[in-house]
C-alpha atoms as a PDB file:
ATOM      1  CA  MET A   1      49.580 -19.540  69.493  1.00  0.00           C
ATOM      2  CA  GLY A   2      50.396 -15.883  69.979  1.00  0.00           C
ATOM      3  CA  GLU A   3      48.878 -13.512  67.506  1.00  0.00           C
ATOM      4  CA  TYR A   4      46.804 -16.295  65.909  1.00  0.00           C
ATOM      5  CA  ALA A   5      45.563 -18.008  69.045  1.00  0.00           C
ATOM      6  CA  MET A   6      41.945 -17.220  68.226  1.00  0.00           C
ATOM      7  CA  ALA A   7      42.146 -18.547  64.674  1.00  0.00           C
ATOM      8  CA  SER A   8      39.835 -21.470  63.950  1.00  0.00           C
ATOM      9  CA  HIS A   9      42.276 -23.317  61.764  1.00  0.00           C
ATOM     10  CA  VAL A  10      44.798 -24.274  64.414  1.00  0.00           C
ATOM     11  CA  LEU A  11      45.746 -27.892  63.745  1.00  0.00           C
ATOM     12  CA  GLN A  12      44.827 -30.457  66.470  1.00  0.00           C
ATOM     13  CA  THR A  13      46.885 -33.410  65.427  1.00  0.00           C
ATOM     14  CA  PRO A  14      50.256 -33.596  63.591  1.00  0.00           C
ATOM     15  CA  PRO A  15      49.600 -33.940  59.873  1.00  0.00           C
ATOM     16  CA  GLU A  16      51.155 -36.582  57.725  1.00  0.00           C
ATOM     17  CA  GLY A  17      54.915 -36.160  57.466  1.00  0.00           C
ATOM     18  CA  ALA A  18      55.300 -34.211  60.723  1.00  0.00           C
ATOM     19  CA  SER A  19      57.329 -35.452  63.640  1.00  0.00           C
ATOM     20  CA  SER A  20      55.813 -36.081  67.073  1.00  0.00           C
ATOM     21  CA  ASP A  21      56.856 -32.562  68.127  1.00  0.00           C
ATOM     22  CA  TRP A  22      55.074 -31.233  65.032  1.00  0.00           C
ATOM     23  CA  THR A  23      58.269 -30.196  63.256  1.00  0.00           C
ATOM     24  CA  ILE A  24      58.735 -30.735  59.506  1.00  0.00           C
ATOM     25  CA  PRO A  25      61.587 -30.225  57.064  1.00  0.00           C
ATOM     26  CA  GLN A  26      61.725 -26.690  55.788  1.00  0.00           C
ATOM     27  CA  ASN A  27      62.293 -28.111  52.290  1.00  0.00           C
ATOM     28  CA  TRP A  28      64.276 -25.000  51.312  1.00  0.00           C
ATOM     29  CA  SER A  29      65.172 -26.429  47.871  1.00  0.00           C
ATOM     30  CA  ALA A  30      61.485 -26.336  46.892  1.00  0.00           C
ATOM     31  CA  TYR A  31      61.205 -22.514  47.015  1.00  0.00           C
ATOM     32  CA  THR A  32      60.842 -21.040  43.604  1.00  0.00           C
ATOM     33  CA  PRO A  33      62.893 -18.105  42.231  1.00  0.00           C
ATOM     34  CA  GLU A  34      59.730 -16.042  42.363  1.00  0.00           C
ATOM     35  CA  GLU A  35      59.291 -16.781  46.077  1.00  0.00           C
ATOM     36  CA  HIS A  36      62.950 -15.840  46.764  1.00  0.00           C
ATOM     37  CA  ALA A  37      62.364 -12.612  44.812  1.00  0.00           C
ATOM     38  CA  LEU A  38      59.272 -11.793  46.737  1.00  0.00           C
ATOM     39  CA  TRP A  39      61.166 -12.252  50.039  1.00  0.00           C
ATOM     40  CA  ASP A  40      63.763  -9.854  48.761  1.00  0.00           C
ATOM     41  CA  VAL A  41      61.111  -7.259  47.959  1.00  0.00           C
ATOM     42  CA  LEU A  42      59.540  -7.592  51.393  1.00  0.00           C
ATOM     43  CA  TYR A  43      62.926  -7.444  53.069  1.00  0.00           C
ATOM     44  CA  GLU A  44      64.081  -4.365  51.187  1.00  0.00           C
ATOM     45  CA  ARG A  45      60.999  -2.301  51.754  1.00  0.00           C
ATOM     46  CA  GLN A  46      60.959  -3.034  55.525  1.00  0.00           C
ATOM     47  CA  THR A  47      64.687  -2.447  56.038  1.00  0.00           C
ATOM     48  CA  LYS A  48      64.529   0.881  54.201  1.00  0.00           C
ATOM     49  CA  MET A  49      61.916   2.293  56.630  1.00  0.00           C
ATOM     50  CA  LEU A  50      62.835   0.590  59.928  1.00  0.00           C
ATOM     51  CA  PRO A  51      66.260   1.864  61.008  1.00  0.00           C
ATOM     52  CA  SER A  52      64.876   5.064  62.579  1.00  0.00           C
ATOM     53  CA  ARG A  53      61.741   3.414  63.891  1.00  0.00           C
ATOM     54  CA  VAL A  54      62.769   0.039  65.336  1.00  0.00           C
ATOM     55  CA  THR A  55      64.771  -0.738  68.450  1.00  0.00           C
ATOM     56  CA  PRO A  56      68.512  -0.965  67.572  1.00  0.00           C
ATOM     57  CA  ALA A  57      68.645  -4.575  68.808  1.00  0.00           C
ATOM     58  CA  PHE A  58      66.467  -5.598  65.908  1.00  0.00           C
ATOM     59  CA  MET A  59      68.793  -4.123  63.266  1.00  0.00           C
ATOM     60  CA  GLU A  60      71.769  -5.645  65.094  1.00  0.00           C
ATOM     61  CA  GLY A  61      70.039  -9.042  64.891  1.00  0.00           C
ATOM     62  CA  LEU A  62      69.500  -8.746  61.156  1.00  0.00           C
ATOM     63  CA  GLU A  63      73.176  -8.042  60.717  1.00  0.00           C
ATOM     64  CA  ARG A  64      74.474 -10.673  63.047  1.00  0.00           C
ATOM     65  CA  LEU A  65      72.272 -13.386  61.544  1.00  0.00           C
ATOM     66  CA  LYS A  66      73.089 -12.309  57.957  1.00  0.00           C
ATOM     67  CA  LEU A  67      69.433 -12.034  57.089  1.00  0.00           C
ATOM     68  CA  SER A  68      70.369  -9.451  54.447  1.00  0.00           C
ATOM     69  CA  ASP A  69      71.575 -12.366  52.207  1.00  0.00           C
ATOM     70  CA  SER A  70      69.341 -12.691  49.219  1.00  0.00           C
ATOM     71  CA  GLY A  71      66.393 -15.088  49.280  1.00  0.00           C
ATOM     72  CA  ILE A  72      64.422 -16.976  51.922  1.00  0.00           C
ATOM     73  CA  PRO A  73      66.782 -18.063  54.708  1.00  0.00           C
ATOM     74  CA  ASN A  74      67.754 -21.701  55.127  1.00  0.00           C
ATOM     75  CA  PHE A  75      66.667 -22.631  58.621  1.00  0.00           C
ATOM     76  CA  GLU A  76      69.649 -24.993  59.179  1.00  0.00           C
ATOM     77  CA  GLU A  77      72.139 -22.233  58.346  1.00  0.00           C
ATOM     78  CA  LEU A  78      70.183 -19.628  60.275  1.00  0.00           C
ATOM     79  CA  SER A  79      69.858 -21.869  63.328  1.00  0.00           C
ATOM     80  CA  GLU A  80      73.607 -22.494  63.352  1.00  0.00           C
ATOM     81  CA  ARG A  81      74.344 -18.757  63.525  1.00  0.00           C
ATOM     82  CA  LEU A  82      71.574 -18.174  66.070  1.00  0.00           C
ATOM     83  CA  HIS A  83      72.559 -21.023  68.364  1.00  0.00           C
ATOM     84  CA  LYS A  84      76.071 -19.692  68.599  1.00  0.00           C
ATOM     85  CA  LEU A  85      74.685 -16.348  69.827  1.00  0.00           C
ATOM     86  CA  THR A  86      71.915 -17.331  72.255  1.00  0.00           C
ATOM     87  CA  GLY A  87      71.320 -21.130  72.038  1.00  0.00           C
ATOM     88  CA  TRP A  88      68.124 -20.770  69.964  1.00  0.00           C
ATOM     89  CA  GLN A  89      67.152 -22.494  66.772  1.00  0.00           C
ATOM     90  CA  VAL A  90      64.400 -22.125  64.180  1.00  0.00           C
ATOM     91  CA  VAL A  91      62.284 -25.164  63.346  1.00  0.00           C
ATOM     92  CA  ALA A  92      59.613 -25.489  60.603  1.00  0.00           C
ATOM     93  CA  VAL A  93      56.001 -26.496  61.500  1.00  0.00           C
ATOM     94  CA  PRO A  94      53.058 -27.198  59.176  1.00  0.00           C
ATOM     95  CA  GLY A  95      50.804 -24.588  60.544  1.00  0.00           C
ATOM     96  CA  LEU A  96      49.383 -23.169  63.746  1.00  0.00           C
ATOM     97  CA  VAL A  97      50.194 -25.687  66.464  1.00  0.00           C
ATOM     98  CA  PRO A  98      48.447 -26.350  69.784  1.00  0.00           C
ATOM     99  CA  ASP A  99      49.393 -24.251  72.788  1.00  0.00           C
ATOM    100  CA  GLU A 100      51.236 -27.022  74.649  1.00  0.00           C
ATOM    101  CA  VAL A 101      53.414 -27.690  71.557  1.00  0.00           C
ATOM    102  CA  PHE A 102      54.175 -23.984  71.102  1.00  0.00           C
ATOM    103  CA  PHE A 103      55.155 -23.513  74.746  1.00  0.00           C
ATOM    104  CA  GLU A 104      57.239 -26.640  74.824  1.00  0.00           C
ATOM    105  CA  HIS A 105      59.308 -25.448  71.891  1.00  0.00           C
ATOM    106  CA  LEU A 106      59.829 -22.013  73.328  1.00  0.00           C
ATOM    107  CA  ALA A 107      60.824 -23.388  76.677  1.00  0.00           C
ATOM    108  CA  ASN A 108      63.535 -25.354  74.930  1.00  0.00           C
ATOM    109  CA  ARG A 109      64.795 -22.429  72.853  1.00  0.00           C
ATOM    110  CA  ARG A 110      63.170 -23.545  69.589  1.00  0.00           C
ATOM    111  CA  PHE A 111      61.204 -20.982  67.616  1.00  0.00           C
ATOM    112  CA  VAL A 112      58.532 -22.561  65.417  1.00  0.00           C
ATOM    113  CA  ALA A 113      58.124 -20.947  61.970  1.00  0.00           C
ATOM    114  CA  GLY A 114      55.869 -21.631  59.032  1.00  0.00           C
ATOM    115  CA  ASN A 115      57.738 -22.574  55.861  1.00  0.00           C
ATOM    116  CA  PHE A 116      55.346 -21.030  53.323  1.00  0.00           C
ATOM    117  CA  LEU A 117      55.525 -17.569  51.853  1.00  0.00           C
ATOM    118  CA  ARG A 118      52.611 -15.257  51.144  1.00  0.00           C
ATOM    119  CA  THR A 119      51.560 -14.649  47.586  1.00  0.00           C
ATOM    120  CA  PRO A 120      52.131 -11.318  45.782  1.00  0.00           C
ATOM    121  CA  GLU A 121      48.423 -10.532  46.280  1.00  0.00           C
ATOM    122  CA  GLN A 122      48.938 -10.905  50.071  1.00  0.00           C
ATOM    123  CA  ILE A 123      52.011  -8.701  50.174  1.00  0.00           C
ATOM    124  CA  ASP A 124      50.511  -6.148  52.513  1.00  0.00           C
ATOM    125  CA  TYR A 125      48.329  -8.349  54.726  1.00  0.00           C
ATOM    126  CA  LEU A 126      47.606 -11.974  55.618  1.00  0.00           C
ATOM    127  CA  GLN A 127      46.006 -13.498  58.687  1.00  0.00           C
ATOM    128  CA  GLU A 128      48.157 -16.553  58.989  1.00  0.00           C
ATOM    129  CA  PRO A 129      51.861 -16.212  59.848  1.00  0.00           C
ATOM    130  CA  ASP A 130      54.188 -16.954  56.928  1.00  0.00           C
ATOM    131  CA  VAL A 131      57.948 -17.402  56.771  1.00  0.00           C
ATOM    132  CA  PHE A 132      58.517 -13.629  56.371  1.00  0.00           C
ATOM    133  CA  HIS A 133      56.549 -12.769  59.436  1.00  0.00           C
ATOM    134  CA  ASP A 134      58.066 -15.544  61.507  1.00  0.00           C
ATOM    135  CA  VAL A 135      61.729 -15.173  60.457  1.00  0.00           C
ATOM    136  CA  PHE A 136      62.071 -11.468  59.629  1.00  0.00           C
ATOM    137  CA  GLY A 137      59.712 -10.348  62.315  1.00  0.00           C
ATOM    138  CA  HIS A 138      60.685 -12.663  65.201  1.00  0.00           C
ATOM    139  CA  VAL A 139      64.135 -14.111  64.775  1.00  0.00           C
ATOM    140  CA  PRO A 140      66.347 -10.990  64.816  1.00  0.00           C
ATOM    141  CA  LEU A 141      65.535 -10.223  68.458  1.00  0.00           C
ATOM    142  CA  LEU A 142      66.286 -13.855  69.410  1.00  0.00           C
ATOM    143  CA  ALA A 143      69.929 -12.846  68.797  1.00  0.00           C
ATOM    144  CA  ASN A 144      69.625 -10.504  71.736  1.00  0.00           C
ATOM    145  CA  PRO A 145      70.483 -12.426  74.999  1.00  0.00           C
ATOM    146  CA  VAL A 146      67.942 -10.614  77.115  1.00  0.00           C
ATOM    147  CA  PHE A 147      64.999 -10.905  74.772  1.00  0.00           C
ATOM    148  CA  ALA A 148      66.050 -14.536  74.043  1.00  0.00           C
ATOM    149  CA  ASP A 149      65.771 -15.244  77.755  1.00  0.00           C
ATOM    150  CA  TYR A 150      62.326 -13.566  77.916  1.00  0.00           C
ATOM    151  CA  MET A 151      61.003 -15.758  75.130  1.00  0.00           C
ATOM    152  CA  GLN A 152      62.163 -18.887  76.935  1.00  0.00           C
ATOM    153  CA  ALA A 153      60.675 -17.639  80.221  1.00  0.00           C
ATOM    154  CA  TYR A 154      57.416 -17.081  78.336  1.00  0.00           C
ATOM    155  CA  GLY A 155      57.417 -20.616  77.088  1.00  0.00           C
ATOM    156  CA  MET A 156      58.012 -21.975  80.509  1.00  0.00           C
ATOM    157  CA  GLY A 157      55.212 -19.766  81.912  1.00  0.00           C
ATOM    158  CA  GLY A 158      52.918 -21.054  79.195  1.00  0.00           C
ATOM    159  CA  MET A 159      53.329 -24.632  80.374  1.00  0.00           C
ATOM    160  CA  LYS A 160      52.271 -23.483  83.807  1.00  0.00           C
ATOM    161  CA  ALA A 161      49.326 -21.426  82.471  1.00  0.00           C
ATOM    162  CA  ILE A 162      47.804 -24.564  80.993  1.00  0.00           C
ATOM    163  CA  LYS A 163      47.464 -25.987  84.510  1.00  0.00           C
ATOM    164  CA  HIS A 164      45.726 -22.816  85.643  1.00  0.00           C
ATOM    165  CA  ASN A 165      43.354 -22.630  82.681  1.00  0.00           C
ATOM    166  CA  ALA A 166      44.746 -19.189  81.877  1.00  0.00           C
ATOM    167  CA  ILE A 167      46.077 -19.512  78.364  1.00  0.00           C
ATOM    168  CA  HIS A 168      43.805 -16.686  77.150  1.00  0.00           C
ATOM    169  CA  ASN A 169      45.381 -14.357  79.776  1.00  0.00           C
ATOM    170  CA  LEU A 170      48.989 -15.331  78.879  1.00  0.00           C
ATOM    171  CA  SER A 171      48.292 -15.119  75.122  1.00  0.00           C
ATOM    172  CA  ARG A 172      47.545 -11.414  75.693  1.00  0.00           C
ATOM    173  CA  LEU A 173      50.998 -10.921  77.107  1.00  0.00           C
ATOM    174  CA  TYR A 174      52.523 -12.428  73.957  1.00  0.00           C
ATOM    175  CA  TRP A 175      50.247 -10.365  71.741  1.00  0.00           C
ATOM    176  CA  TYR A 176      51.032  -6.995  73.440  1.00  0.00           C
ATOM    177  CA  THR A 177      54.760  -7.653  73.765  1.00  0.00           C
ATOM    178  CA  VAL A 178      56.242 -10.093  71.277  1.00  0.00           C
ATOM    179  CA  GLU A 179      53.817  -9.244  68.523  1.00  0.00           C
ATOM    180  CA  PHE A 180      52.750  -5.654  69.011  1.00  0.00           C
ATOM    181  CA  GLY A 181      55.021  -4.190  71.622  1.00  0.00           C
ATOM    182  CA  LEU A 182      56.669  -0.745  71.726  1.00  0.00           C
ATOM    183  CA  ILE A 183      59.753   0.086  73.718  1.00  0.00           C
ATOM    184  CA  ARG A 184      60.937   3.410  75.293  1.00  0.00           C
ATOM    185  CA  ASP A 185      64.081   4.894  73.803  1.00  0.00           C
ATOM    186  CA  GLY A 186      64.879   7.964  75.874  1.00  0.00           C
ATOM    187  CA  ASP A 187      62.016  10.376  75.216  1.00  0.00           C
ATOM    188  CA  ASP A 188      61.006   8.448  72.124  1.00  0.00           C
ATOM    189  CA  MET A 189      59.354   5.105  71.374  1.00  0.00           C
ATOM    190  CA  LYS A 190      60.580   2.371  69.065  1.00  0.00           C
ATOM    191  CA  LEU A 191      59.016  -0.689  67.547  1.00  0.00           C
ATOM    192  CA  TYR A 192      59.987  -4.189  68.561  1.00  0.00           C
ATOM    193  CA  GLY A 193      56.879  -6.375  68.102  1.00  0.00           C
ATOM    194  CA  ALA A 194      57.115  -8.847  65.178  1.00  0.00           C
ATOM    195  CA  GLY A 195      53.604  -8.105  63.928  1.00  0.00           C
ATOM    196  CA  ILE A 196      54.615  -4.441  63.529  1.00  0.00           C
ATOM    197  CA  VAL A 197      58.135  -4.714  62.187  1.00  0.00           C
ATOM    198  CA  SER A 198      57.044  -7.188  59.456  1.00  0.00           C
ATOM    199  CA  SER A 199      54.206  -4.945  58.335  1.00  0.00           C
ATOM    200  CA  ARG A 200      54.865  -1.798  56.256  1.00  0.00           C
ATOM    201  CA  THR A 201      51.623  -0.125  57.124  1.00  0.00           C
ATOM    202  CA  GLU A 202      51.588  -0.895  60.868  1.00  0.00           C
ATOM    203  CA  SER A 203      55.222   0.183  61.169  1.00  0.00           C
ATOM    204  CA  ILE A 204      53.934   3.642  60.393  1.00  0.00           C
ATOM    205  CA  PHE A 205      50.642   3.462  62.152  1.00  0.00           C
ATOM    206  CA  ALA A 206      51.951   2.240  65.497  1.00  0.00           C
ATOM    207  CA  LEU A 207      54.241   5.265  65.997  1.00  0.00           C
ATOM    208  CA  ASP A 208      52.746   8.045  63.945  1.00  0.00           C
ATOM    209  CA  ASP A 209      48.985   7.732  63.896  1.00  0.00           C
ATOM    210  CA  LYS A 210      46.883   9.629  66.389  1.00  0.00           C
ATOM    211  CA  SER A 211      44.281   6.858  66.538  1.00  0.00           C
ATOM    212  CA  PRO A 212      45.773   4.262  68.966  1.00  0.00           C
ATOM    213  CA  ASN A 213      46.491   4.586  72.700  1.00  0.00           C
ATOM    214  CA  ARG A 214      50.118   4.149  73.780  1.00  0.00           C
ATOM    215  CA  ILE A 215      50.204   3.070  77.448  1.00  0.00           C
ATOM    216  CA  GLY A 216      52.967   2.082  79.837  1.00  0.00           C
ATOM    217  CA  PHE A 217      53.286  -1.664  80.278  1.00  0.00           C
ATOM    218  CA  ASP A 218      51.631  -3.276  83.301  1.00  0.00           C
ATOM    219  CA  MET A 219      51.640  -7.091  83.471  1.00  0.00           C
ATOM    220  CA  LYS A 220      48.234  -7.587  85.072  1.00  0.00           C
ATOM    221  CA  ARG A 221      46.574  -4.875  82.989  1.00  0.00           C
ATOM    222  CA  VAL A 222      47.880  -6.487  79.795  1.00  0.00           C
ATOM    223  CA  MET A 223      46.589  -9.923  80.728  1.00  0.00           C
ATOM    224  CA  GLN A 224      43.112  -8.461  81.303  1.00  0.00           C
ATOM    225  CA  THR A 225      43.017  -6.638  77.959  1.00  0.00           C
ATOM    226  CA  ARG A 226      41.348  -8.143  74.948  1.00  0.00           C
ATOM    227  CA  TYR A 227      42.822  -7.684  71.474  1.00  0.00           C
ATOM    228  CA  ARG A 228      41.682  -7.719  67.897  1.00  0.00           C
ATOM    229  CA  ILE A 229      43.290  -9.952  65.213  1.00  0.00           C
ATOM    230  CA  ASP A 230      41.657  -8.446  62.129  1.00  0.00           C
ATOM    231  CA  ASP A 231      43.041  -4.913  62.032  1.00  0.00           C
ATOM    232  CA  PHE A 232      45.522  -2.389  63.556  1.00  0.00           C
ATOM    233  CA  GLN A 233      45.705  -2.371  67.351  1.00  0.00           C
ATOM    234  CA  GLN A 234      43.616   0.195  69.302  1.00  0.00           C
ATOM    235  CA  THR A 235      46.223   0.166  72.143  1.00  0.00           C
ATOM    236  CA  TYR A 236      49.969  -0.403  72.195  1.00  0.00           C
ATOM    237  CA  PHE A 237      51.752  -1.086  75.470  1.00  0.00           C
ATOM    238  CA  VAL A 238      55.177   0.397  75.959  1.00  0.00           C
ATOM    239  CA  ILE A 239      57.921  -1.413  77.923  1.00  0.00           C
ATOM    240  CA  ASP A 240      60.800   0.398  79.546  1.00  0.00           C
ATOM    241  CA  SER A 241      63.416  -2.098  78.447  1.00  0.00           C
ATOM    242  CA  PHE A 242      63.896  -5.772  77.647  1.00  0.00           C
ATOM    243  CA  GLU A 243      65.710  -6.153  80.963  1.00  0.00           C
ATOM    244  CA  ASP A 244      62.703  -4.884  82.860  1.00  0.00           C
ATOM    245  CA  LEU A 245      60.337  -7.127  80.826  1.00  0.00           C
ATOM    246  CA  LEU A 246      62.432 -10.138  81.581  1.00  0.00           C
ATOM    247  CA  LYS A 247      62.730  -9.317  85.301  1.00  0.00           C
ATOM    248  CA  GLN A 248      59.009  -8.837  85.669  1.00  0.00           C
ATOM    249  CA  THR A 249      58.335 -12.133  83.960  1.00  0.00           C
ATOM    250  CA  ILE A 250      60.872 -14.072  86.018  1.00  0.00           C
ATOM    251  CA  ASP A 251      60.023 -12.408  89.360  1.00  0.00           C
ATOM    252  CA  THR A 252      56.228 -12.627  89.052  1.00  0.00           C
ATOM    253  CA  ASP A 253      54.221 -15.463  90.517  1.00  0.00           C
ATOM    254  CA  PHE A 254      51.522 -15.688  87.915  1.00  0.00           C
ATOM    255  CA  ALA A 255      49.232 -18.118  89.829  1.00  0.00           C
ATOM    256  CA  PRO A 256      47.814 -15.463  92.217  1.00  0.00           C
ATOM    257  CA  ILE A 257      47.352 -13.058  89.278  1.00  0.00           C
ATOM    258  CA  TYR A 258      45.416 -15.653  87.346  1.00  0.00           C
ATOM    259  CA  ALA A 259      43.218 -16.326  90.389  1.00  0.00           C
ATOM    260  CA  GLN A 260      42.636 -12.591  90.935  1.00  0.00           C
ATOM    261  CA  ILE A 261      41.709 -11.605  87.358  1.00  0.00           C
ATOM    262  CA  ALA A 262      39.482 -14.626  86.959  1.00  0.00           C
ATOM    263  CA  ASN A 263      37.025 -12.728  89.134  1.00  0.00           C
ATOM    264  CA  GLU A 264      37.640  -9.243  87.660  1.00  0.00           C
ATOM    265  CA  SER A 265      36.396  -7.509  84.617  1.00  0.00           C
ATOM    266  CA  GLU A 266      38.248  -7.661  81.343  1.00  0.00           C
ATOM    267  CA  TYR A 267      39.127  -4.559  79.349  1.00  0.00           C
ATOM    268  CA  GLU A 268      38.282  -3.701  75.781  1.00  0.00           C
ATOM    269  CA  PRO A 269      41.240  -2.934  73.432  1.00  0.00           C
ATOM    270  CA  ALA A 270      40.623   0.861  73.457  1.00  0.00           C
ATOM    271  CA  ASP A 271      40.020   1.346  77.193  1.00  0.00           C
ATOM    272  CA  ILE A 272      41.940   3.884  79.203  1.00  0.00           C
ATOM    273  CA  LEU A 273      42.084   3.325  83.004  1.00  0.00           C
ATOM    274  CA  PRO A 274      42.679   5.976  85.685  1.00  0.00           C
ATOM    275  CA  THR A 275      45.788   3.961  86.698  1.00  0.00           C
ATOM    276  CA  ASP A 276      47.339   3.831  83.245  1.00  0.00           C
ATOM    277  CA  ARG A 277      50.582   5.637  82.410  1.00  0.00           C
ATOM    278  CA  VAL A 278      49.311   7.248  79.252  1.00  0.00           C
ATOM    279  CA  TYR A 279      51.823   8.404  76.678  1.00  0.00           C
ATOM    280  CA  ASN A 280      49.192   9.033  74.074  1.00  0.00           C
ATOM    281  CA  GLN A 281      45.443   8.835  74.402  1.00  0.00           C
ATOM    282  CA  GLY A 282      44.232   7.993  70.962  1.00  0.00           C
ATOM    283  CA  ASN A 283      41.261   9.428  69.227  1.00  0.00           C
ATOM    284  CA  GLN A 284      40.330   5.964  67.857  1.00  0.00           C
ATOM    285  CA  ALA A 285      39.630   7.519  64.434  1.00  0.00           C
ATOM    286  CA  TRP A 286      40.843   4.392  62.717  1.00  0.00           C
ATOM    287  CA  ALA A 287      38.648   2.098  64.731  1.00  0.00           C
ATOM    288  CA  ASN A 288      35.662   4.315  64.176  1.00  0.00           C
ATOM    289  CA  ARG A 289      36.360   4.434  60.453  1.00  0.00           C
ATOM    290  CA  VAL A 290      36.496   0.641  60.264  1.00  0.00           C
ATOM    291  CA  THR A 291      33.261   0.393  62.240  1.00  0.00           C
ATOM    292  CA  ASP A 292      31.582   2.881  59.959  1.00  0.00           C
ATOM    293  CA  ASN A 293      32.503   0.873  56.911  1.00  0.00           C
END
């Protein structure tokens, strides 16, 4: 689900060894010294650049969950610390799970994470979420009570979206908030989306580059906006606060919105609308460069 919802390799049935809820043992003891060392390299380079760029809640989560300890985190130990803070836990799954499985876990405060780590050759980019993306990128904000509540509300909303045949709309909300969201910080913007904070290059691009649009968050607008999974984003949506994001999610009756947008046009990733709150209208130079190549 989420950032990889359009991938063709989402599993359809639980593989051998998986429980009925698709969870598997993390098998932490099987990680090699080289894999633990690679995690440390990834962790160090991200935490060196993020403090001035990421929302403070993220750095607080790293500290409270002791993610600075060397090596790939043990999910059992991590879940114990996380559960004491917000009631969440981290569970391992064998790959990309079906929507209903993903939503069911979120609705019950279980974050599903892959248990494999990228190779050194994939250090800067991989399409499928690995343990670094899932744990480093997502889990720190689950230590924040407000964001933790938003993630549960999203999961509950996903179970309803299935009934309305609107998964593709709701997946865009996840993509443009949980994965690639920006948040206002006074007159500045900060990162909070896991797809950005776990990527060295996009951590720079999302805030500094002149190419992408940066637009104020609007729930309906986001759910009508397509996204690309193969490169940097052409538009980032900026929330005012986690409190406002949670309130909008809880207070919104999504059914009428789904019905309305089913009969309306969708927007391309780079579109700017007259009604948008535009913080930065990008020149789309990066997208044009990719197209030219």
